[in-house]
Amino acid sequence: TTCLLCIDPVDDQRCYRTMVCPVCRHAWFHRDCIQAQALSAGF
């Protein structure tokens, strides 16, 4: 599985660095990547 935002591999389990969408449960991403998207997109 790769991060949807940077396309690099994610860890093989949920952890501090690897997160998942609680709704669809198929969107995996790195914490740093989703943080960057949040700062760009805004609330």
PDB file of all heavy atoms in Angstrom:
ATOM      1  N   THR A   1       0.839  -1.199   0.000  1.00  0.00           N
ATOM      2  CA  THR A   1       0.000   0.000   0.000  1.00  0.00           C
ATOM      3  C   THR A   1       0.875   1.251   0.000  1.00  0.00           C
ATOM      4  O   THR A   1       1.875   1.321   0.709  1.00  0.00           O
ATOM      5  CB  THR A   1      -0.926   0.024   1.226  1.00  0.00           C
ATOM      6  OG1 THR A   1      -1.800  -1.109   1.166  1.00  0.00           O
ATOM      7  CG2 THR A   1      -1.770   1.291   1.254  1.00  0.00           C
ATOM      8  N   THR A   2       0.478   2.231  -0.808  1.00  0.00           N
ATOM      9  CA  THR A   2       1.232   3.483  -0.876  1.00  0.00           C
ATOM     10  C   THR A   2       0.390   4.647  -0.375  1.00  0.00           C
ATOM     11  O   THR A   2      -0.837   4.584  -0.354  1.00  0.00           O
ATOM     12  CB  THR A   2       1.680   3.781  -2.322  1.00  0.00           C
ATOM     13  OG1 THR A   2       0.522   3.850  -3.170  1.00  0.00           O
ATOM     14  CG2 THR A   2       2.611   2.695  -2.833  1.00  0.00           C
ATOM     15  N   CYS A   3       1.063   5.696   0.018  1.00  0.00           N
ATOM     16  CA  CYS A   3       0.396   6.927   0.459  1.00  0.00           C
ATOM     17  C   CYS A   3      -0.295   7.563  -0.736  1.00  0.00           C
ATOM     18  O   CYS A   3       0.307   7.716  -1.811  1.00  0.00           O
ATOM     19  CB  CYS A   3       1.438   7.876   1.051  1.00  0.00           C
ATOM     20  SG  CYS A   3       0.841   9.548   1.391  1.00  0.00           S
ATOM     21  N   LEU A   4      -1.552   7.939  -0.585  1.00  0.00           N
ATOM     22  CA  LEU A   4      -2.300   8.537  -1.683  1.00  0.00           C
ATOM     23  C   LEU A   4      -1.732   9.882  -2.117  1.00  0.00           C
ATOM     24  O   LEU A   4      -1.985  10.325  -3.232  1.00  0.00           O
ATOM     25  CB  LEU A   4      -3.763   8.740  -1.271  1.00  0.00           C
ATOM     26  CG  LEU A   4      -4.674   7.528  -1.329  1.00  0.00           C
ATOM     27  CD1 LEU A   4      -6.059   7.895  -0.821  1.00  0.00           C
ATOM     28  CD2 LEU A   4      -4.758   6.984  -2.743  1.00  0.00           C
ATOM     29  N   LEU A   5      -0.959  10.511  -1.257  1.00  0.00           N
ATOM     30  CA  LEU A   5      -0.491  11.865  -1.546  1.00  0.00           C
ATOM     31  C   LEU A   5       0.919  11.916  -2.111  1.00  0.00           C
ATOM     32  O   LEU A   5       1.203  12.726  -2.986  1.00  0.00           O
ATOM     33  CB  LEU A   5      -0.584  12.711  -0.274  1.00  0.00           C
ATOM     34  CG  LEU A   5      -1.996  12.786   0.325  1.00  0.00           C
ATOM     35  CD1 LEU A   5      -1.980  13.507   1.656  1.00  0.00           C
ATOM     36  CD2 LEU A   5      -2.952  13.479  -0.640  1.00  0.00           C
ATOM     37  N   CYS A   6       1.813  11.052  -1.624  1.00  0.00           N
ATOM     38  CA  CYS A   6       3.192  11.094  -2.136  1.00  0.00           C
ATOM     39  C   CYS A   6       3.563   9.838  -2.917  1.00  0.00           C
ATOM     40  O   CYS A   6       4.633   9.775  -3.532  1.00  0.00           O
ATOM     41  CB  CYS A   6       4.182  11.297  -0.992  1.00  0.00           C
ATOM     42  SG  CYS A   6       4.409   9.847   0.077  1.00  0.00           S
ATOM     43  N   ILE A   7       2.704   8.819  -2.881  1.00  0.00           N
ATOM     44  CA  ILE A   7       2.875   7.555  -3.610  1.00  0.00           C
ATOM     45  C   ILE A   7       4.032   6.710  -3.067  1.00  0.00           C
ATOM     46  O   ILE A   7       4.407   5.715  -3.660  1.00  0.00           O
ATOM     47  CB  ILE A   7       3.049   7.792  -5.140  1.00  0.00           C
ATOM     48  CG1 ILE A   7       2.088   8.847  -5.629  1.00  0.00           C
ATOM     49  CG2 ILE A   7       2.783   6.516  -5.919  1.00  0.00           C
ATOM     50  CD1 ILE A   7       0.624   8.514  -5.388  1.00  0.00           C
ATOM     51  N   ASP A   8       4.630   7.099  -1.953  1.00  0.00           N
ATOM     52  CA  ASP A   8       5.639   6.253  -1.314  1.00  0.00           C
ATOM     53  C   ASP A   8       4.946   5.225  -0.421  1.00  0.00           C
ATOM     54  O   ASP A   8       3.821   5.456   0.030  1.00  0.00           O
ATOM     55  CB  ASP A   8       6.600   7.097  -0.475  1.00  0.00           C
ATOM     56  CG  ASP A   8       7.587   7.871  -1.329  1.00  0.00           C
ATOM     57  OD1 ASP A   8       7.781   7.476  -2.497  1.00  0.00           O
ATOM     58  OD2 ASP A   8       8.162   8.860  -0.830  1.00  0.00           O
ATOM     59  N   PRO A   9       5.589   4.094  -0.136  1.00  0.00           N
ATOM     60  CA  PRO A   9       4.959   3.060   0.704  1.00  0.00           C
ATOM     61  C   PRO A   9       4.657   3.574   2.111  1.00  0.00           C
ATOM     62  O   PRO A   9       5.378   4.426   2.638  1.00  0.00           O
ATOM     63  CB  PRO A   9       6.013   1.944   0.742  1.00  0.00           C
ATOM     64  CG  PRO A   9       6.882   2.187  -0.450  1.00  0.00           C
ATOM     65  CD  PRO A   9       6.911   3.674  -0.636  1.00  0.00           C
ATOM     66  N   VAL A  10       3.583   3.057   2.688  1.00  0.00           N
ATOM     67  CA  VAL A  10       3.260   3.359   4.087  1.00  0.00           C
ATOM     68  C   VAL A  10       3.687   2.174   4.937  1.00  0.00           C
ATOM     69  O   VAL A  10       3.980   1.092   4.425  1.00  0.00           O
ATOM     70  CB  VAL A  10       1.749   3.630   4.279  1.00  0.00           C
ATOM     71  CG1 VAL A  10       1.312   4.851   3.485  1.00  0.00           C
ATOM     72  CG2 VAL A  10       0.915   2.407   3.878  1.00  0.00           C
ATOM     73  N   ASP A  11       3.730   2.376   6.252  1.00  0.00           N
ATOM     74  CA  ASP A  11       4.055   1.265   7.152  1.00  0.00           C
ATOM     75  C   ASP A  11       2.985   0.191   7.043  1.00  0.00           C
ATOM     76  O   ASP A  11       1.865   0.449   6.586  1.00  0.00           O
ATOM     77  CB  ASP A  11       4.150   1.774   8.594  1.00  0.00           C
ATOM     78  CG  ASP A  11       5.292   2.773   8.773  1.00  0.00           C
ATOM     79  OD1 ASP A  11       6.316   2.611   8.093  1.00  0.00           O
ATOM     80  OD2 ASP A  11       5.142   3.708   9.572  1.00  0.00           O
ATOM     81  N   ASP A  12       3.308  -1.013   7.478  1.00  0.00           N
ATOM     82  CA  ASP A  12       2.376  -2.130   7.320  1.00  0.00           C
ATOM     83  C   ASP A  12       1.337  -2.189   8.431  1.00  0.00           C
ATOM     84  O   ASP A  12       0.648  -3.192   8.592  1.00  0.00           O
ATOM     85  CB  ASP A  12       3.135  -3.455   7.246  1.00  0.00           C
ATOM     86  CG  ASP A  12       3.984  -3.716   8.488  1.00  0.00           C
ATOM     87  OD1 ASP A  12       3.950  -2.882   9.417  1.00  0.00           O
ATOM     88  OD2 ASP A  12       4.670  -4.745   8.525  1.00  0.00           O
ATOM     89  N   GLN A  13       1.205  -1.104   9.200  1.00  0.00           N
ATOM     90  CA  GLN A  13       0.187  -1.048  10.246  1.00  0.00           C
ATOM     91  C   GLN A  13      -0.095   0.414  10.573  1.00  0.00           C
ATOM     92  O   GLN A  13       0.676   1.293  10.222  1.00  0.00           O
ATOM     93  CB  GLN A  13       0.671  -1.764  11.506  1.00  0.00           C
ATOM     94  CG  GLN A  13       1.945  -1.160  12.087  1.00  0.00           C
ATOM     95  CD  GLN A  13       2.451  -1.923  13.280  1.00  0.00           C
ATOM     96  OE1 GLN A  13       1.751  -2.753  13.831  1.00  0.00           O
ATOM     97  NE2 GLN A  13       3.668  -1.657  13.691  1.00  0.00           N
ATOM     98  N   ARG A  14      -1.249   0.652  11.224  1.00  0.00           N
ATOM     99  CA  ARG A  14      -1.536   2.006  11.686  1.00  0.00           C
ATOM    100  C   ARG A  14      -0.552   2.363  12.791  1.00  0.00           C
ATOM    101  O   ARG A  14      -0.291   1.563  13.681  1.00  0.00           O
ATOM    102  CB  ARG A  14      -2.969   2.092  12.210  1.00  0.00           C
ATOM    103  CG  ARG A  14      -4.019   2.139  11.128  1.00  0.00           C
ATOM    104  CD  ARG A  14      -5.415   2.211  11.720  1.00  0.00           C
ATOM    105  NE  ARG A  14      -5.756   0.996  12.449  1.00  0.00           N
ATOM    106  CZ  ARG A  14      -5.870   0.927  13.771  1.00  0.00           C
ATOM    107  NH1 ARG A  14      -5.701   1.998  14.508  1.00  0.00           N
ATOM    108  NH2 ARG A  14      -6.180  -0.208  14.357  1.00  0.00           N
ATOM    109  N   CYS A  15       0.008   3.540  12.718  1.00  0.00           N
ATOM    110  CA  CYS A  15       0.959   3.978  13.727  1.00  0.00           C
ATOM    111  C   CYS A  15       1.014   5.503  13.682  1.00  0.00           C
ATOM    112  O   CYS A  15       0.220   6.136  12.985  1.00  0.00           O
ATOM    113  CB  CYS A  15       2.346   3.373  13.481  1.00  0.00           C
ATOM    114  SG  CYS A  15       3.043   3.786  11.874  1.00  0.00           S
ATOM    115  N   TYR A  16       1.920   6.080  14.429  1.00  0.00           N
ATOM    116  CA  TYR A  16       2.019   7.542  14.455  1.00  0.00           C
ATOM    117  C   TYR A  16       2.265   8.097  13.056  1.00  0.00           C
ATOM    118  O   TYR A  16       1.680   9.102  12.658  1.00  0.00           O
ATOM    119  CB  TYR A  16       3.155   7.966  15.392  1.00  0.00           C
ATOM    120  CG  TYR A  16       3.317   9.462  15.518  1.00  0.00           C
ATOM    121  CD1 TYR A  16       2.534  10.193  16.418  1.00  0.00           C
ATOM    122  CD2 TYR A  16       4.243  10.146  14.743  1.00  0.00           C
ATOM    123  CE1 TYR A  16       2.675  11.566  16.533  1.00  0.00           C
ATOM    124  CE2 TYR A  16       4.395  11.520  14.855  1.00  0.00           C
ATOM    125  CZ  TYR A  16       3.606  12.227  15.751  1.00  0.00           C
ATOM    126  OH  TYR A  16       3.744  13.586  15.850  1.00  0.00           O
ATOM    127  N   ARG A  17       3.091   7.438  12.284  1.00  0.00           N
ATOM    128  CA  ARG A  17       3.481   7.947  10.971  1.00  0.00           C
ATOM    129  C   ARG A  17       2.466   7.608   9.881  1.00  0.00           C
ATOM    130  O   ARG A  17       2.325   8.332   8.901  1.00  0.00           O
ATOM    131  CB  ARG A  17       4.852   7.369  10.601  1.00  0.00           C
ATOM    132  CG  ARG A  17       5.414   7.871   9.279  1.00  0.00           C
ATOM    133  CD  ARG A  17       6.854   7.407   9.086  1.00  0.00           C
ATOM    134  NE  ARG A  17       7.389   7.876   7.814  1.00  0.00           N
ATOM    135  CZ  ARG A  17       7.389   7.169   6.696  1.00  0.00           C
ATOM    136  NH1 ARG A  17       6.883   5.945   6.697  1.00  0.00           N
ATOM    137  NH2 ARG A  17       7.904   7.659   5.589  1.00  0.00           N
ATOM    138  N   THR A  18       1.747   6.519  10.039  1.00  0.00           N
ATOM    139  CA  THR A  18       0.812   6.047   9.012  1.00  0.00           C
ATOM    140  C   THR A  18      -0.620   6.162   9.516  1.00  0.00           C
ATOM    141  O   THR A  18      -0.958   5.641  10.566  1.00  0.00           O
ATOM    142  CB  THR A  18       1.119   4.589   8.634  1.00  0.00           C
ATOM    143  OG1 THR A  18       2.430   4.517   8.064  1.00  0.00           O
ATOM    144  CG2 THR A  18       0.112   4.071   7.626  1.00  0.00           C
ATOM    145  N   MET A  19      -1.472   6.843   8.733  1.00  0.00           N
ATOM    146  CA  MET A  19      -2.852   7.092   9.143  1.00  0.00           C
ATOM    147  C   MET A  19      -3.807   6.642   8.038  1.00  0.00           C
ATOM    148  O   MET A  19      -3.407   6.418   6.895  1.00  0.00           O
ATOM    149  CB  MET A  19      -3.042   8.587   9.450  1.00  0.00           C
ATOM    150  CG  MET A  19      -2.072   9.120  10.499  1.00  0.00           C
ATOM    151  SD  MET A  19      -2.158  10.909  10.705  1.00  0.00           S
ATOM    152  CE  MET A  19      -3.777  11.052  11.486  1.00  0.00           C
ATOM    153  N   VAL A  20      -5.092   6.521   8.412  1.00  0.00           N
ATOM    154  CA  VAL A  20      -6.100   6.063   7.462  1.00  0.00           C
ATOM    155  C   VAL A  20      -7.372   6.881   7.651  1.00  0.00           C
ATOM    156  O   VAL A  20      -7.659   7.361   8.754  1.00  0.00           O
ATOM    157  CB  VAL A  20      -6.392   4.549   7.659  1.00  0.00           C
ATOM    158  CG1 VAL A  20      -7.025   4.290   9.015  1.00  0.00           C
ATOM    159  CG2 VAL A  20      -7.278   4.007   6.533  1.00  0.00           C
ATOM    160  N   CYS A  21      -8.135   7.040   6.590  1.00  0.00           N
ATOM    161  CA  CYS A  21      -9.428   7.713   6.701  1.00  0.00           C
ATOM    162  C   CYS A  21     -10.380   6.828   7.496  1.00  0.00           C
ATOM    163  O   CYS A  21     -10.542   5.644   7.173  1.00  0.00           O
ATOM    164  CB  CYS A  21     -10.005   7.987   5.314  1.00  0.00           C
ATOM    165  SG  CYS A  21     -11.723   8.600   5.347  1.00  0.00           S
ATOM    166  N   PRO A  22     -11.040   7.348   8.527  1.00  0.00           N
ATOM    167  CA  PRO A  22     -11.937   6.533   9.350  1.00  0.00           C
ATOM    168  C   PRO A  22     -13.252   6.211   8.659  1.00  0.00           C
ATOM    169  O   PRO A  22     -14.015   5.383   9.137  1.00  0.00           O
ATOM    170  CB  PRO A  22     -12.177   7.409  10.584  1.00  0.00           C
ATOM    171  CG  PRO A  22     -12.078   8.800  10.056  1.00  0.00           C
ATOM    172  CD  PRO A  22     -10.993   8.748   9.016  1.00  0.00           C
ATOM    173  N   VAL A  23     -13.516   6.850   7.534  1.00  0.00           N
ATOM    174  CA  VAL A  23     -14.794   6.661   6.838  1.00  0.00           C
ATOM    175  C   VAL A  23     -14.684   5.566   5.778  1.00  0.00           C
ATOM    176  O   VAL A  23     -15.334   4.529   5.860  1.00  0.00           O
ATOM    177  CB  VAL A  23     -15.280   7.983   6.205  1.00  0.00           C
ATOM    178  CG1 VAL A  23     -16.630   7.778   5.507  1.00  0.00           C
ATOM    179  CG2 VAL A  23     -15.380   9.069   7.266  1.00  0.00           C
ATOM    180  N   CYS A  24     -13.829   5.772   4.776  1.00  0.00           N
ATOM    181  CA  CYS A  24     -13.715   4.772   3.699  1.00  0.00           C
ATOM    182  C   CYS A  24     -12.753   3.643   4.068  1.00  0.00           C
ATOM    183  O   CYS A  24     -12.854   2.542   3.532  1.00  0.00           O
ATOM    184  CB  CYS A  24     -13.275   5.429   2.396  1.00  0.00           C
ATOM    185  SG  CYS A  24     -11.585   6.095   2.412  1.00  0.00           S
ATOM    186  N   ARG A  25     -11.794   3.903   4.973  1.00  0.00           N
ATOM    187  CA  ARG A  25     -10.834   2.908   5.448  1.00  0.00           C
ATOM    188  C   ARG A  25      -9.939   2.363   4.343  1.00  0.00           C
ATOM    189  O   ARG A  25      -9.318   1.318   4.496  1.00  0.00           O
ATOM    190  CB  ARG A  25     -11.548   1.746   6.154  1.00  0.00           C
ATOM    191  CG  ARG A  25     -12.464   2.199   7.276  1.00  0.00           C
ATOM    192  CD  ARG A  25     -13.101   1.045   7.997  1.00  0.00           C
ATOM    193  NE  ARG A  25     -14.048   1.519   8.997  1.00  0.00           N
ATOM    194  CZ  ARG A  25     -14.635   0.748   9.875  1.00  0.00           C
ATOM    195  NH1 ARG A  25     -14.397  -0.548   9.877  1.00  0.00           N
ATOM    196  NH2 ARG A  25     -15.495   1.255  10.759  1.00  0.00           N
ATOM    197  N   HIS A  26      -9.888   3.078   3.221  1.00  0.00           N
ATOM    198  CA  HIS A  26      -9.020   2.672   2.112  1.00  0.00           C
ATOM    199  C   HIS A  26      -7.999   3.741   1.772  1.00  0.00           C
ATOM    200  O   HIS A  26      -7.076   3.479   1.006  1.00  0.00           O
ATOM    201  CB  HIS A  26      -9.856   2.365   0.859  1.00  0.00           C
ATOM    202  CG  HIS A  26     -10.724   1.158   0.996  1.00  0.00           C
ATOM    203  ND1 HIS A  26     -10.230  -0.128   0.995  1.00  0.00           N
ATOM    204  CD2 HIS A  26     -12.063   1.036   1.156  1.00  0.00           C
ATOM    205  CE1 HIS A  26     -11.229  -0.989   1.141  1.00  0.00           C
ATOM    206  NE2 HIS A  26     -12.350  -0.312   1.242  1.00  0.00           N
ATOM    207  N   ALA A  27      -8.179   4.937   2.310  1.00  0.00           N
ATOM    208  CA  ALA A  27      -7.254   6.035   2.034  1.00  0.00           C
ATOM    209  C   ALA A  27      -6.150   6.028   3.079  1.00  0.00           C
ATOM    210  O   ALA A  27      -6.364   6.388   4.235  1.00  0.00           O
ATOM    211  CB  ALA A  27      -8.005   7.370   2.050  1.00  0.00           C
ATOM    212  N   TRP A  28      -4.961   5.617   2.682  1.00  0.00           N
ATOM    213  CA  TRP A  28      -3.805   5.568   3.582  1.00  0.00           C
ATOM    214  C   TRP A  28      -2.851   6.695   3.225  1.00  0.00           C
ATOM    215  O   TRP A  28      -2.645   7.004   2.056  1.00  0.00           O
ATOM    216  CB  TRP A  28      -3.100   4.219   3.470  1.00  0.00           C
ATOM    217  CG  TRP A  28      -3.925   3.100   4.005  1.00  0.00           C
ATOM    218  CD1 TRP A  28      -4.803   2.310   3.321  1.00  0.00           C
ATOM    219  CD2 TRP A  28      -3.970   2.652   5.367  1.00  0.00           C
ATOM    220  NE1 TRP A  28      -5.396   1.403   4.160  1.00  0.00           N
ATOM    221  CE2 TRP A  28      -4.903   1.587   5.418  1.00  0.00           C
ATOM    222  CE3 TRP A  28      -3.320   3.045   6.534  1.00  0.00           C
ATOM    223  CZ2 TRP A  28      -5.186   0.917   6.602  1.00  0.00           C
ATOM    224  CZ3 TRP A  28      -3.600   2.374   7.712  1.00  0.00           C
ATOM    225  CH2 TRP A  28      -4.522   1.319   7.737  1.00  0.00           C
ATOM    226  N   PHE A  29      -2.239   7.309   4.232  1.00  0.00           N
ATOM    227  CA  PHE A  29      -1.338   8.415   3.969  1.00  0.00           C
ATOM    228  C   PHE A  29      -0.388   8.593   5.145  1.00  0.00           C
ATOM    229  O   PHE A  29      -0.645   8.139   6.266  1.00  0.00           O
ATOM    230  CB  PHE A  29      -2.112   9.717   3.732  1.00  0.00           C
ATOM    231  CG  PHE A  29      -3.364   9.838   4.562  1.00  0.00           C
ATOM    232  CD1 PHE A  29      -3.315  10.201   5.889  1.00  0.00           C
ATOM    233  CD2 PHE A  29      -4.612   9.576   4.000  1.00  0.00           C
ATOM    234  CE1 PHE A  29      -4.465  10.299   6.652  1.00  0.00           C
ATOM    235  CE2 PHE A  29      -5.774   9.672   4.754  1.00  0.00           C
ATOM    236  CZ  PHE A  29      -5.701  10.039   6.087  1.00  0.00           C
ATOM    237  N   HIS A  30       0.734   9.233   4.870  1.00  0.00           N
ATOM    238  CA  HIS A  30       1.683   9.577   5.920  1.00  0.00           C
ATOM    239  C   HIS A  30       1.179  10.781   6.704  1.00  0.00           C
ATOM    240  O   HIS A  30       0.523  11.666   6.140  1.00  0.00           O
ATOM    241  CB  HIS A  30       3.054   9.908   5.325  1.00  0.00           C
ATOM    242  CG  HIS A  30       3.679   8.788   4.575  1.00  0.00           C
ATOM    243  ND1 HIS A  30       3.988   8.860   3.227  1.00  0.00           N
ATOM    244  CD2 HIS A  30       4.046   7.538   4.977  1.00  0.00           C
ATOM    245  CE1 HIS A  30       4.524   7.729   2.834  1.00  0.00           C
ATOM    246  NE2 HIS A  30       4.567   6.910   3.867  1.00  0.00           N
ATOM    247  N   ARG A  31       1.490  10.841   7.985  1.00  0.00           N
ATOM    248  CA  ARG A  31       1.105  11.984   8.811  1.00  0.00           C
ATOM    249  C   ARG A  31       1.651  13.283   8.219  1.00  0.00           C
ATOM    250  O   ARG A  31       0.937  14.283   8.127  1.00  0.00           O
ATOM    251  CB  ARG A  31       1.628  11.802  10.234  1.00  0.00           C
ATOM    252  CG  ARG A  31       1.441  13.032  11.133  1.00  0.00           C
ATOM    253  CD  ARG A  31       1.961  12.772  12.521  1.00  0.00           C
ATOM    254  NE  ARG A  31       1.070  11.855  13.237  1.00  0.00           N
ATOM    255  CZ  ARG A  31       0.016  12.241  13.941  1.00  0.00           C
ATOM    256  NH1 ARG A  31      -0.302  13.522  14.033  1.00  0.00           N
ATOM    257  NH2 ARG A  31      -0.738  11.355  14.566  1.00  0.00           N
ATOM    258  N   ASP A  32       2.902  13.291   7.798  1.00  0.00           N
ATOM    259  CA  ASP A  32       3.493  14.509   7.242  1.00  0.00           C
ATOM    260  C   ASP A  32       2.776  14.945   5.969  1.00  0.00           C
ATOM    261  O   ASP A  32       2.607  16.139   5.715  1.00  0.00           O
ATOM    262  CB  ASP A  32       4.979  14.299   6.950  1.00  0.00           C
ATOM    263  CG  ASP A  32       5.808  14.188   8.223  1.00  0.00           C
ATOM    264  OD1 ASP A  32       5.296  14.539   9.309  1.00  0.00           O
ATOM    265  OD2 ASP A  32       6.969  13.747   8.131  1.00  0.00           O
ATOM    266  N   CYS A  33       2.338  13.977   5.159  1.00  0.00           N
ATOM    267  CA  CYS A  33       1.676  14.309   3.893  1.00  0.00           C
ATOM    268  C   CYS A  33       0.294  14.907   4.129  1.00  0.00           C
ATOM    269  O   CYS A  33      -0.088  15.892   3.486  1.00  0.00           O
ATOM    270  CB  CYS A  33       1.567  13.064   3.020  1.00  0.00           C
ATOM    271  SG  CYS A  33       3.162  12.408   2.462  1.00  0.00           S
ATOM    272  N   ILE A  34      -0.479  14.306   5.054  1.00  0.00           N
ATOM    273  CA  ILE A  34      -1.825  14.829   5.300  1.00  0.00           C
ATOM    274  C   ILE A  34      -1.750  16.162   6.037  1.00  0.00           C
ATOM    275  O   ILE A  34      -2.613  17.032   5.863  1.00  0.00           O
ATOM    276  CB  ILE A  34      -2.688  13.799   6.069  1.00  0.00           C
ATOM    277  CG1 ILE A  34      -4.185  14.071   5.828  1.00  0.00           C
ATOM    278  CG2 ILE A  34      -2.366  13.790   7.537  1.00  0.00           C
ATOM    279  CD1 ILE A  34      -4.637  13.838   4.413  1.00  0.00           C
ATOM    280  N   GLN A  35      -0.694  16.363   6.827  1.00  0.00           N
ATOM    281  CA  GLN A  35      -0.509  17.652   7.482  1.00  0.00           C
ATOM    282  C   GLN A  35      -0.230  18.744   6.456  1.00  0.00           C
ATOM    283  O   GLN A  35      -0.772  19.851   6.545  1.00  0.00           O
ATOM    284  CB  GLN A  35       0.633  17.582   8.494  1.00  0.00           C
ATOM    285  CG  GLN A  35       0.944  18.910   9.169  1.00  0.00           C
ATOM    286  CD  GLN A  35      -0.227  19.446   9.976  1.00  0.00           C
ATOM    287  OE1 GLN A  35      -0.413  19.076  11.130  1.00  0.00           O
ATOM    288  NE2 GLN A  35      -1.022  20.342   9.399  1.00  0.00           N
ATOM    289  N   ALA A  36       0.588  18.442   5.463  1.00  0.00           N
ATOM    290  CA  ALA A  36       0.877  19.414   4.407  1.00  0.00           C
ATOM    291  C   ALA A  36      -0.387  19.752   3.622  1.00  0.00           C
ATOM    292  O   ALA A  36      -0.630  20.919   3.280  1.00  0.00           O
ATOM    293  CB  ALA A  36       1.958  18.863   3.477  1.00  0.00           C
ATOM    294  N   GLN A  37      -1.212  18.728   3.353  1.00  0.00           N
ATOM    295  CA  GLN A  37      -2.457  18.989   2.618  1.00  0.00           C
ATOM    296  C   GLN A  37      -3.392  19.850   3.452  1.00  0.00           C
ATOM    297  O   GLN A  37      -4.057  20.748   2.927  1.00  0.00           O
ATOM    298  CB  GLN A  37      -3.150  17.678   2.258  1.00  0.00           C
ATOM    299  CG  GLN A  37      -4.468  17.914   1.510  1.00  0.00           C
ATOM    300  CD  GLN A  37      -5.121  16.630   1.050  1.00  0.00           C
ATOM    301  OE1 GLN A  37      -4.439  15.703   0.656  1.00  0.00           O
ATOM    302  NE2 GLN A  37      -6.433  16.581   1.088  1.00  0.00           N
ATOM    303  N   ALA A  38      -3.463  19.599   4.764  1.00  0.00           N
ATOM    304  CA  ALA A  38      -4.337  20.380   5.638  1.00  0.00           C
ATOM    305  C   ALA A  38      -3.928  21.849   5.656  1.00  0.00           C
ATOM    306  O   ALA A  38      -4.779  22.746   5.615  1.00  0.00           O
ATOM    307  CB  ALA A  38      -4.309  19.808   7.053  1.00  0.00           C
ATOM    308  N   LEU A  39      -2.637  22.105   5.698  1.00  0.00           N
ATOM    309  CA  LEU A  39      -2.157  23.483   5.726  1.00  0.00           C
ATOM    310  C   LEU A  39      -2.467  24.203   4.418  1.00  0.00           C
ATOM    311  O   LEU A  39      -2.731  25.406   4.399  1.00  0.00           O
ATOM    312  CB  LEU A  39      -0.651  23.513   6.000  1.00  0.00           C
ATOM    313  CG  LEU A  39      -0.221  23.060   7.398  1.00  0.00           C
ATOM    314  CD1 LEU A  39       1.296  23.018   7.496  1.00  0.00           C
ATOM    315  CD2 LEU A  39      -0.803  23.977   8.468  1.00  0.00           C
ATOM    316  N   SER A  40      -2.449  23.482   3.305  1.00  0.00           N
ATOM    317  CA  SER A  40      -2.747  24.092   2.006  1.00  0.00           C
ATOM    318  C   SER A  40      -4.239  24.301   1.799  1.00  0.00           C
ATOM    319  O   SER A  40      -4.666  25.316   1.255  1.00  0.00           O
ATOM    320  CB  SER A  40      -2.202  23.211   0.876  1.00  0.00           C
ATOM    321  OG  SER A  40      -0.798  23.111   0.933  1.00  0.00           O
ATOM    322  N   ALA A  41      -5.034  23.324   2.257  1.00  0.00           N
ATOM    323  CA  ALA A  41      -6.472  23.369   1.980  1.00  0.00           C
ATOM    324  C   ALA A  41      -7.230  24.273   2.945  1.00  0.00           C
ATOM    325  O   ALA A  41      -8.134  24.997   2.546  1.00  0.00           O
ATOM    326  CB  ALA A  41      -7.054  21.954   2.029  1.00  0.00           C
ATOM    327  N   GLY A  42      -6.890  24.221   4.229  1.00  0.00           N
ATOM    328  CA  GLY A  42      -7.653  24.967   5.220  1.00  0.00           C
ATOM    329  C   GLY A  42      -8.933  24.231   5.606  1.00  0.00           C
ATOM    330  O   GLY A  42      -9.332  23.252   4.968  1.00  0.00           O
ATOM    331  N   PHE A  43      -9.580  24.710   6.650  1.00  0.00           N
ATOM    332  CA  PHE A  43     -10.731  24.039   7.248  1.00  0.00           C
ATOM    333  C   PHE A  43     -11.859  23.785   6.247  1.00  0.00           C
ATOM    334  O   PHE A  43     -12.475  22.724   6.241  1.00  0.00           O
ATOM    335  CB  PHE A  43     -11.244  24.873   8.422  1.00  0.00           C
ATOM    336  CG  PHE A  43     -12.446  24.284   9.109  1.00  0.00           C
ATOM    337  CD1 PHE A  43     -12.296  23.277  10.039  1.00  0.00           C
ATOM    338  CD2 PHE A  43     -13.722  24.744   8.820  1.00  0.00           C
ATOM    339  CE1 PHE A  43     -13.403  22.727  10.670  1.00  0.00           C
ATOM    340  CE2 PHE A  43     -14.832  24.204   9.445  1.00  0.00           C
ATOM    341  CZ  PHE A  43     -14.665  23.192  10.377  1.00  0.00           C
TER     342      PHE A  43
END
